[in-house]
Amino acid sequence: MTGIRTALCVIVSVLFLASCSSRPDGMHVILFSDMRAGVQEKIKEAAKQKAGKVDIFPAYPEKLLTEITAHEGDVFIVPEDMFQAYDDPENFQPLDELPLDKTSPYTAVDQKTGEKTVYAVQIEKGGKQLNGYSFRLNRNMAAFIPVYATKTEEALQLISQLTEVR
């Protein structure tokens, strides 16, 4: 009887710890923005259809650095001026698989081969659609995937939708 109780306690403990995991099964999107709350909610609802977790933070560079240092997020969407302060290609995954119609201002050139690699993309201000939701960006944003991210394919799909010109 004691063995059954112990086994049951271990199983319940494991299930509890698994449910409390800070890492959701889906992609984790982190948006830094100073947009109106209504626009933020539309973006959050649209992104949640493909992501397991969406966090929206005020546009503070210190918070961006904290989230990246903590290895949070599979994709980041930040105001372009905030990104330029952190811009370091070594910390981002290449986005060369994106079907971009135009070149990205965020490319790194391999000194040995001369090959260009896109490591972030610009999301131009204006009307956007994401998973059936429409919203308007009033400033240019940058999207990138940190080097430690695991949901790269899903992140690329989200970025691709946001970079489409409508």
N, C-alpha and C. Protein backbone atom coordinates (compact mmCIF):
# COMPACT_ATOMS: atom_id res chain seq x y z
N MET A 1 0.82 -1.19 0.00
CA MET A 1 0.00 0.00 0.00
C MET A 1 0.87 1.25 0.00
N THR A 2 1.95 1.26 0.77
CA THR A 2 2.85 2.40 0.83
C THR A 2 3.53 2.60 -0.52
N GLY A 3 3.85 1.52 -1.20
CA GLY A 3 4.49 1.60 -2.52
C GLY A 3 3.57 2.24 -3.54
N ILE A 4 2.28 1.93 -3.44
CA ILE A 4 1.29 2.52 -4.38
C ILE A 4 1.16 4.01 -4.11
N ARG A 5 1.11 4.39 -2.84
CA ARG A 5 1.02 5.81 -2.50
C ARG A 5 2.25 6.58 -2.99
N THR A 6 3.41 5.98 -2.79
CA THR A 6 4.64 6.62 -3.22
C THR A 6 4.65 6.79 -4.74
N ALA A 7 4.28 5.74 -5.44
CA ALA A 7 4.23 5.81 -6.91
C ALA A 7 3.22 6.86 -7.37
N LEU A 8 2.06 6.89 -6.72
CA LEU A 8 1.03 7.87 -7.06
C LEU A 8 1.53 9.29 -6.80
N CYS A 9 2.22 9.51 -5.68
CA CYS A 9 2.78 10.83 -5.37
C CYS A 9 3.82 11.25 -6.41
N VAL A 10 4.66 10.31 -6.82
CA VAL A 10 5.68 10.62 -7.83
C VAL A 10 5.01 10.98 -9.15
N ILE A 11 4.01 10.23 -9.57
CA ILE A 11 3.31 10.51 -10.83
C ILE A 11 2.62 11.86 -10.78
N VAL A 12 1.93 12.15 -9.69
CA VAL A 12 1.25 13.45 -9.54
C VAL A 12 2.28 14.58 -9.55
N SER A 13 3.40 14.40 -8.87
CA SER A 13 4.44 15.42 -8.84
C SER A 13 5.01 15.68 -10.23
N VAL A 14 5.28 14.63 -10.98
CA VAL A 14 5.81 14.78 -12.33
C VAL A 14 4.80 15.50 -13.23
N LEU A 15 3.53 15.12 -13.13
CA LEU A 15 2.49 15.78 -13.93
C LEU A 15 2.36 17.26 -13.55
N PHE A 16 2.44 17.55 -12.26
CA PHE A 16 2.36 18.93 -11.81
C PHE A 16 3.53 19.75 -12.34
N LEU A 17 4.72 19.21 -12.23
CA LEU A 17 5.91 19.93 -12.71
C LEU A 17 5.86 20.11 -14.22
N ALA A 18 5.37 19.12 -14.94
CA ALA A 18 5.25 19.24 -16.40
C ALA A 18 4.26 20.32 -16.78
N SER A 19 3.17 20.44 -16.03
CA SER A 19 2.16 21.45 -16.34
C SER A 19 2.64 22.85 -15.97
N CYS A 20 3.60 22.96 -15.07
CA CYS A 20 4.13 24.26 -14.65
C CYS A 20 5.33 24.70 -15.48
N SER A 21 5.69 23.94 -16.46
CA SER A 21 6.85 24.27 -17.27
C SER A 21 6.70 25.66 -17.89
N SER A 22 7.79 26.42 -17.88
CA SER A 22 7.75 27.77 -18.45
C SER A 22 7.84 27.72 -19.96
N ARG A 23 8.11 26.59 -20.54
CA ARG A 23 8.27 26.47 -21.98
C ARG A 23 7.03 25.81 -22.57
N PRO A 24 6.19 26.55 -23.31
CA PRO A 24 5.00 25.95 -23.89
C PRO A 24 5.38 25.02 -25.04
N ASP A 25 4.42 24.17 -25.42
CA ASP A 25 4.66 23.24 -26.52
C ASP A 25 4.85 23.99 -27.84
N GLY A 26 4.12 25.08 -28.03
CA GLY A 26 4.20 25.84 -29.28
C GLY A 26 5.28 26.89 -29.23
N MET A 27 5.29 27.66 -30.29
CA MET A 27 6.26 28.74 -30.44
C MET A 27 5.97 29.85 -29.43
N HIS A 28 7.02 30.51 -28.97
CA HIS A 28 6.90 31.62 -28.02
C HIS A 28 7.26 32.91 -28.77
N VAL A 29 6.26 33.76 -28.95
CA VAL A 29 6.44 35.04 -29.63
C VAL A 29 6.57 36.13 -28.59
N ILE A 30 7.57 36.99 -28.75
CA ILE A 30 7.74 38.13 -27.85
C ILE A 30 7.71 39.40 -28.70
N LEU A 31 6.78 40.28 -28.36
CA LEU A 31 6.59 41.54 -29.07
C LEU A 31 6.90 42.69 -28.12
N PHE A 32 7.74 43.59 -28.57
CA PHE A 32 8.02 44.81 -27.81
C PHE A 32 7.35 45.95 -28.56
N SER A 33 6.49 46.68 -27.85
CA SER A 33 5.68 47.65 -28.56
C SER A 33 5.21 48.77 -27.66
N ASP A 34 4.98 49.91 -28.29
CA ASP A 34 4.32 51.02 -27.61
C ASP A 34 2.99 51.33 -28.30
N MET A 35 2.43 50.32 -28.98
CA MET A 35 1.15 50.47 -29.67
C MET A 35 0.01 50.55 -28.66
N ARG A 36 -1.11 51.04 -29.15
CA ARG A 36 -2.32 51.09 -28.32
C ARG A 36 -2.70 49.67 -27.91
N ALA A 37 -3.35 49.57 -26.76
CA ALA A 37 -3.73 48.27 -26.20
C ALA A 37 -4.60 47.46 -27.16
N GLY A 38 -5.52 48.10 -27.86
CA GLY A 38 -6.40 47.39 -28.79
C GLY A 38 -5.63 46.73 -29.92
N VAL A 39 -4.63 47.42 -30.46
CA VAL A 39 -3.81 46.86 -31.53
C VAL A 39 -2.97 45.71 -30.98
N GLN A 40 -2.42 45.89 -29.79
CA GLN A 40 -1.64 44.82 -29.17
C GLN A 40 -2.48 43.55 -28.99
N GLU A 41 -3.71 43.71 -28.55
CA GLU A 41 -4.58 42.55 -28.34
C GLU A 41 -4.89 41.84 -29.65
N LYS A 42 -5.11 42.61 -30.73
CA LYS A 42 -5.36 41.99 -32.04
C LYS A 42 -4.16 41.16 -32.48
N ILE A 43 -2.97 41.74 -32.32
CA ILE A 43 -1.75 41.03 -32.70
C ILE A 43 -1.58 39.78 -31.83
N LYS A 44 -1.84 39.92 -30.54
CA LYS A 44 -1.69 38.79 -29.63
C LYS A 44 -2.65 37.66 -30.00
N GLU A 45 -3.90 37.98 -30.28
CA GLU A 45 -4.88 36.96 -30.66
C GLU A 45 -4.51 36.30 -31.98
N ALA A 46 -4.04 37.10 -32.94
CA ALA A 46 -3.65 36.55 -34.24
C ALA A 46 -2.45 35.62 -34.11
N ALA A 47 -1.46 36.03 -33.36
CA ALA A 47 -0.25 35.22 -33.20
C ALA A 47 -0.52 33.97 -32.39
N LYS A 48 -1.45 34.04 -31.43
CA LYS A 48 -1.75 32.88 -30.58
C LYS A 48 -2.30 31.70 -31.37
N GLN A 49 -2.87 31.96 -32.54
CA GLN A 49 -3.41 30.87 -33.35
C GLN A 49 -2.30 29.92 -33.79
N LYS A 50 -1.09 30.43 -33.94
CA LYS A 50 0.04 29.61 -34.36
C LYS A 50 1.05 29.38 -33.24
N ALA A 51 0.99 30.20 -32.20
CA ALA A 51 1.99 30.14 -31.13
C ALA A 51 1.40 29.56 -29.87
N GLY A 52 2.26 28.98 -29.05
CA GLY A 52 1.82 28.49 -27.76
C GLY A 52 1.73 29.59 -26.74
N LYS A 53 2.56 30.63 -26.92
CA LYS A 53 2.62 31.71 -25.95
C LYS A 53 3.01 33.00 -26.66
N VAL A 54 2.32 34.08 -26.30
CA VAL A 54 2.64 35.41 -26.84
C VAL A 54 2.77 36.37 -25.66
N ASP A 55 3.90 37.05 -25.58
CA ASP A 55 4.12 38.07 -24.55
C ASP A 55 4.33 39.41 -25.24
N ILE A 56 3.72 40.45 -24.69
CA ILE A 56 3.91 41.80 -25.19
C ILE A 56 4.46 42.65 -24.05
N PHE A 57 5.59 43.29 -24.33
CA PHE A 57 6.26 44.12 -23.34
C PHE A 57 6.41 45.54 -23.87
N PRO A 58 6.53 46.52 -22.97
CA PRO A 58 6.86 47.89 -23.40
C PRO A 58 8.23 47.89 -24.09
N ALA A 59 8.43 48.82 -24.98
CA ALA A 59 9.66 48.87 -25.79
C ALA A 59 10.84 49.42 -24.99
N TYR A 60 11.37 48.58 -24.10
CA TYR A 60 12.55 48.93 -23.30
C TYR A 60 13.71 48.03 -23.72
N PRO A 61 14.81 48.60 -24.18
CA PRO A 61 15.96 47.79 -24.60
C PRO A 61 16.47 46.87 -23.50
N GLU A 62 16.40 47.31 -22.25
CA GLU A 62 16.88 46.48 -21.14
C GLU A 62 16.08 45.18 -21.03
N LYS A 63 14.77 45.28 -21.25
CA LYS A 63 13.90 44.10 -21.17
C LYS A 63 14.21 43.15 -22.32
N LEU A 64 14.48 43.70 -23.51
CA LEU A 64 14.86 42.86 -24.65
C LEU A 64 16.11 42.07 -24.32
N LEU A 65 17.11 42.73 -23.79
CA LEU A 65 18.35 42.06 -23.43
C LEU A 65 18.11 40.99 -22.36
N THR A 66 17.24 41.28 -21.40
CA THR A 66 16.90 40.32 -20.35
C THR A 66 16.25 39.07 -20.94
N GLU A 67 15.28 39.24 -21.83
CA GLU A 67 14.57 38.10 -22.43
C GLU A 67 15.52 37.24 -23.27
N ILE A 68 16.41 37.89 -24.02
CA ILE A 68 17.35 37.13 -24.84
C ILE A 68 18.37 36.40 -23.97
N THR A 69 18.85 37.07 -22.94
CA THR A 69 19.81 36.45 -22.02
C THR A 69 19.20 35.24 -21.31
N ALA A 70 17.91 35.33 -21.00
CA ALA A 70 17.21 34.22 -20.33
C ALA A 70 16.81 33.12 -21.32
N HIS A 71 17.15 33.29 -22.59
CA HIS A 71 16.80 32.34 -23.65
C HIS A 71 15.30 32.14 -23.77
N GLU A 72 14.57 33.22 -23.65
CA GLU A 72 13.13 33.20 -23.85
C GLU A 72 12.83 33.56 -25.29
N GLY A 73 11.72 33.07 -25.80
CA GLY A 73 11.23 33.47 -27.11
C GLY A 73 11.85 32.73 -28.27
N ASP A 74 10.98 32.37 -29.23
CA ASP A 74 11.42 31.75 -30.49
C ASP A 74 11.47 32.79 -31.60
N VAL A 75 10.72 33.85 -31.44
CA VAL A 75 10.73 34.94 -32.42
C VAL A 75 10.46 36.24 -31.68
N PHE A 76 11.19 37.28 -32.05
CA PHE A 76 11.04 38.59 -31.45
C PHE A 76 10.60 39.58 -32.53
N ILE A 77 9.69 40.46 -32.16
CA ILE A 77 9.25 41.55 -33.03
C ILE A 77 9.41 42.82 -32.21
N VAL A 78 10.29 43.71 -32.69
CA VAL A 78 10.64 44.89 -31.90
C VAL A 78 10.64 46.13 -32.80
N PRO A 79 10.46 47.32 -32.22
CA PRO A 79 10.59 48.53 -33.01
C PRO A 79 11.99 48.57 -33.65
N GLU A 80 12.04 49.01 -34.89
CA GLU A 80 13.30 48.96 -35.62
C GLU A 80 14.42 49.75 -34.94
N ASP A 81 14.12 50.90 -34.37
CA ASP A 81 15.17 51.67 -33.71
C ASP A 81 15.70 50.94 -32.47
N MET A 82 14.85 50.19 -31.80
CA MET A 82 15.27 49.40 -30.64
C MET A 82 16.17 48.24 -31.09
N PHE A 83 15.84 47.64 -32.22
CA PHE A 83 16.64 46.53 -32.75
C PHE A 83 18.03 47.01 -33.15
N GLN A 84 18.11 48.17 -33.76
CA GLN A 84 19.39 48.68 -34.24
C GLN A 84 20.38 48.86 -33.09
N ALA A 85 19.90 49.12 -31.89
CA ALA A 85 20.77 49.25 -30.73
C ALA A 85 21.34 47.90 -30.30
N TYR A 86 20.65 46.80 -30.64
CA TYR A 86 21.07 45.46 -30.21
C TYR A 86 21.66 44.65 -31.36
N ASP A 87 21.59 45.14 -32.55
CA ASP A 87 21.95 44.46 -33.79
C ASP A 87 23.31 43.76 -33.70
N ASP A 88 23.29 42.42 -33.65
CA ASP A 88 24.50 41.61 -33.63
C ASP A 88 24.20 40.29 -34.33
N PRO A 89 24.59 40.14 -35.60
CA PRO A 89 24.24 38.94 -36.38
C PRO A 89 24.62 37.62 -35.73
N GLU A 90 25.63 37.61 -34.89
CA GLU A 90 26.07 36.37 -34.23
C GLU A 90 24.98 35.77 -33.33
N ASN A 91 24.07 36.61 -32.85
CA ASN A 91 23.04 36.15 -31.91
C ASN A 91 21.74 35.71 -32.58
N PHE A 92 21.70 35.73 -33.91
CA PHE A 92 20.45 35.44 -34.62
C PHE A 92 20.62 34.30 -35.61
N GLN A 93 19.52 33.57 -35.83
CA GLN A 93 19.53 32.52 -36.83
C GLN A 93 19.38 33.14 -38.22
N PRO A 94 20.00 32.53 -39.23
CA PRO A 94 19.82 33.03 -40.59
C PRO A 94 18.36 32.86 -41.04
N LEU A 95 17.86 33.85 -41.78
CA LEU A 95 16.49 33.81 -42.27
C LEU A 95 16.45 33.64 -43.78
N ASP A 96 17.48 33.04 -44.33
CA ASP A 96 17.59 32.92 -45.78
C ASP A 96 16.49 32.07 -46.41
N GLU A 97 15.79 31.27 -45.62
CA GLU A 97 14.71 30.44 -46.14
C GLU A 97 13.42 31.23 -46.39
N LEU A 98 13.37 32.47 -45.92
CA LEU A 98 12.17 33.28 -46.13
C LEU A 98 12.02 33.66 -47.59
N PRO A 99 10.82 33.55 -48.11
CA PRO A 99 10.58 33.96 -49.50
C PRO A 99 10.37 35.48 -49.56
N LEU A 100 11.47 36.24 -49.50
CA LEU A 100 11.36 37.69 -49.51
C LEU A 100 11.48 38.23 -50.93
N ASP A 101 10.58 39.15 -51.29
CA ASP A 101 10.61 39.76 -52.60
C ASP A 101 11.70 40.82 -52.72
N LYS A 102 12.10 41.34 -51.60
CA LYS A 102 13.11 42.39 -51.61
C LYS A 102 14.21 42.04 -50.63
N THR A 103 15.28 42.77 -50.70
CA THR A 103 16.39 42.48 -49.80
C THR A 103 16.13 43.10 -48.44
N SER A 104 16.69 42.50 -47.44
CA SER A 104 16.56 42.98 -46.07
C SER A 104 17.73 43.90 -45.77
N PRO A 105 17.49 44.96 -45.00
CA PRO A 105 18.63 45.80 -44.61
C PRO A 105 19.54 45.12 -43.58
N TYR A 106 19.10 43.97 -43.08
CA TYR A 106 19.85 43.27 -42.04
C TYR A 106 20.50 42.03 -42.62
N THR A 107 21.66 42.23 -43.22
CA THR A 107 22.41 41.12 -43.80
C THR A 107 23.84 41.17 -43.28
N ALA A 108 24.43 40.02 -43.20
CA ALA A 108 25.84 39.89 -42.82
C ALA A 108 26.56 39.25 -44.00
N VAL A 109 27.78 39.64 -44.23
CA VAL A 109 28.57 39.09 -45.33
C VAL A 109 29.71 38.25 -44.76
N ASP A 110 29.78 36.99 -45.22
CA ASP A 110 30.88 36.11 -44.81
C ASP A 110 32.16 36.63 -45.47
N GLN A 111 33.15 36.94 -44.66
CA GLN A 111 34.39 37.53 -45.17
C GLN A 111 35.16 36.59 -46.09
N LYS A 112 35.01 35.27 -45.89
CA LYS A 112 35.76 34.30 -46.70
C LYS A 112 35.07 34.03 -48.03
N THR A 113 33.74 33.85 -48.00
CA THR A 113 33.02 33.46 -49.22
C THR A 113 32.32 34.62 -49.91
N GLY A 114 32.10 35.71 -49.18
CA GLY A 114 31.37 36.83 -49.75
C GLY A 114 29.86 36.61 -49.79
N GLU A 115 29.41 35.50 -49.22
CA GLU A 115 27.99 35.15 -49.22
C GLU A 115 27.22 35.99 -48.21
N LYS A 116 26.05 36.50 -48.64
CA LYS A 116 25.21 37.31 -47.76
C LYS A 116 24.21 36.42 -47.03
N THR A 117 23.98 36.73 -45.76
CA THR A 117 23.01 36.01 -44.94
C THR A 117 22.06 37.02 -44.31
N VAL A 118 20.77 36.79 -44.46
CA VAL A 118 19.76 37.63 -43.82
C VAL A 118 19.57 37.12 -42.40
N TYR A 119 19.68 38.01 -41.40
CA TYR A 119 19.52 37.59 -40.01
C TYR A 119 18.35 38.27 -39.31
N ALA A 120 17.73 39.24 -39.95
CA ALA A 120 16.53 39.90 -39.43
C ALA A 120 15.82 40.54 -40.62
N VAL A 121 14.54 40.80 -40.46
CA VAL A 121 13.78 41.43 -41.54
C VAL A 121 13.05 42.65 -41.00
N GLN A 122 12.80 43.55 -41.90
CA GLN A 122 12.04 44.74 -41.57
C GLN A 122 10.56 44.46 -41.86
N ILE A 123 9.71 44.80 -40.91
CA ILE A 123 8.26 44.73 -41.11
C ILE A 123 7.81 46.18 -41.28
N GLU A 124 7.47 46.53 -42.49
CA GLU A 124 7.15 47.93 -42.78
C GLU A 124 5.82 48.34 -42.18
N LYS A 125 5.78 49.60 -41.76
CA LYS A 125 4.54 50.13 -41.18
C LYS A 125 3.44 50.09 -42.24
N GLY A 126 2.20 50.09 -41.73
CA GLY A 126 1.04 50.03 -42.62
C GLY A 126 0.13 48.88 -42.25
N GLY A 127 -0.84 48.61 -43.10
CA GLY A 127 -1.82 47.56 -42.85
C GLY A 127 -1.22 46.18 -42.94
N LYS A 128 -1.58 45.33 -42.00
CA LYS A 128 -1.09 43.94 -41.94
C LYS A 128 -2.26 43.00 -41.67
N GLN A 129 -2.08 41.76 -42.09
CA GLN A 129 -3.05 40.72 -41.76
C GLN A 129 -2.27 39.52 -41.24
N LEU A 130 -2.81 38.93 -40.20
CA LEU A 130 -2.18 37.76 -39.60
C LEU A 130 -3.29 36.84 -39.11
N ASN A 131 -3.37 35.67 -39.73
CA ASN A 131 -4.35 34.65 -39.33
C ASN A 131 -5.77 35.20 -39.23
N GLY A 132 -6.17 36.01 -40.21
CA GLY A 132 -7.53 36.52 -40.25
C GLY A 132 -7.77 37.81 -39.49
N TYR A 133 -6.78 38.30 -38.76
CA TYR A 133 -6.90 39.56 -38.02
C TYR A 133 -6.19 40.66 -38.81
N SER A 134 -6.81 41.83 -38.86
CA SER A 134 -6.20 42.99 -39.52
C SER A 134 -5.79 44.01 -38.46
N PHE A 135 -4.66 44.65 -38.68
CA PHE A 135 -4.19 45.70 -37.79
C PHE A 135 -3.25 46.60 -38.57
N ARG A 136 -2.93 47.73 -38.00
CA ARG A 136 -2.07 48.71 -38.66
C ARG A 136 -0.87 49.02 -37.76
N LEU A 137 0.32 48.94 -38.35
CA LEU A 137 1.54 49.32 -37.65
C LEU A 137 1.86 50.77 -37.99
N ASN A 138 2.14 51.58 -36.98
CA ASN A 138 2.46 52.99 -37.20
C ASN A 138 3.96 53.26 -37.28
N ARG A 139 4.76 52.22 -37.14
CA ARG A 139 6.21 52.37 -37.27
C ARG A 139 6.80 51.08 -37.79
N ASN A 140 7.98 51.16 -38.36
CA ASN A 140 8.66 49.98 -38.85
C ASN A 140 9.13 49.14 -37.67
N MET A 141 9.03 47.83 -37.85
CA MET A 141 9.46 46.89 -36.82
C MET A 141 10.52 45.97 -37.44
N ALA A 142 11.25 45.28 -36.59
CA ALA A 142 12.21 44.27 -37.04
C ALA A 142 11.83 42.95 -36.38
N ALA A 143 11.98 41.87 -37.14
CA ALA A 143 11.69 40.54 -36.61
C ALA A 143 12.95 39.68 -36.75
N PHE A 144 13.22 38.89 -35.72
CA PHE A 144 14.38 38.02 -35.75
C PHE A 144 14.14 36.78 -34.91
N ILE A 145 14.93 35.76 -35.19
CA ILE A 145 14.88 34.50 -34.45
C ILE A 145 16.22 34.36 -33.74
N PRO A 146 16.21 34.29 -32.40
CA PRO A 146 17.49 34.16 -31.69
C PRO A 146 18.15 32.81 -31.99
N VAL A 147 19.44 32.77 -31.84
CA VAL A 147 20.21 31.59 -32.18
C VAL A 147 19.79 30.35 -31.38
N TYR A 148 19.26 30.52 -30.18
CA TYR A 148 18.89 29.38 -29.33
C TYR A 148 17.48 28.86 -29.60
N ALA A 149 16.68 29.53 -30.42
CA ALA A 149 15.28 29.16 -30.64
C ALA A 149 15.16 27.76 -31.23
N THR A 150 14.07 27.08 -30.87
CA THR A 150 13.85 25.72 -31.36
C THR A 150 12.70 25.62 -32.37
N LYS A 151 11.82 26.58 -32.38
CA LYS A 151 10.65 26.54 -33.27
C LYS A 151 10.89 27.40 -34.52
N THR A 152 12.00 27.15 -35.18
CA THR A 152 12.42 27.99 -36.30
C THR A 152 11.43 27.97 -37.46
N GLU A 153 10.94 26.82 -37.82
CA GLU A 153 10.02 26.73 -38.97
C GLU A 153 8.75 27.53 -38.73
N GLU A 154 8.17 27.40 -37.54
CA GLU A 154 6.97 28.15 -37.20
C GLU A 154 7.25 29.65 -37.16
N ALA A 155 8.40 30.02 -36.63
CA ALA A 155 8.79 31.43 -36.55
C ALA A 155 8.96 32.01 -37.95
N LEU A 156 9.55 31.26 -38.86
CA LEU A 156 9.71 31.72 -40.24
C LEU A 156 8.35 31.95 -40.91
N GLN A 157 7.39 31.08 -40.64
CA GLN A 157 6.04 31.25 -41.21
C GLN A 157 5.39 32.52 -40.69
N LEU A 158 5.52 32.79 -39.40
CA LEU A 158 4.94 34.00 -38.82
C LEU A 158 5.60 35.25 -39.40
N ILE A 159 6.91 35.25 -39.49
CA ILE A 159 7.63 36.40 -40.06
C ILE A 159 7.23 36.61 -41.51
N SER A 160 7.10 35.52 -42.24
CA SER A 160 6.71 35.62 -43.65
C SER A 160 5.36 36.31 -43.81
N GLN A 161 4.40 35.95 -42.96
CA GLN A 161 3.08 36.58 -43.02
C GLN A 161 3.17 38.07 -42.72
N LEU A 162 3.98 38.43 -41.74
CA LEU A 162 4.06 39.83 -41.33
C LEU A 162 4.81 40.70 -42.33
N THR A 163 5.66 40.10 -43.16
CA THR A 163 6.41 40.88 -44.15
C THR A 163 5.68 41.01 -45.47
N GLU A 164 4.55 40.31 -45.63
CA GLU A 164 3.79 40.43 -46.87
C GLU A 164 3.23 41.83 -47.00
N VAL A 165 3.37 42.39 -48.18
CA VAL A 165 2.81 43.72 -48.44
C VAL A 165 1.36 43.55 -48.85
N ARG A 166 0.49 44.30 -48.22
CA ARG A 166 -0.96 44.19 -48.50
C ARG A 166 -1.45 45.46 -49.12
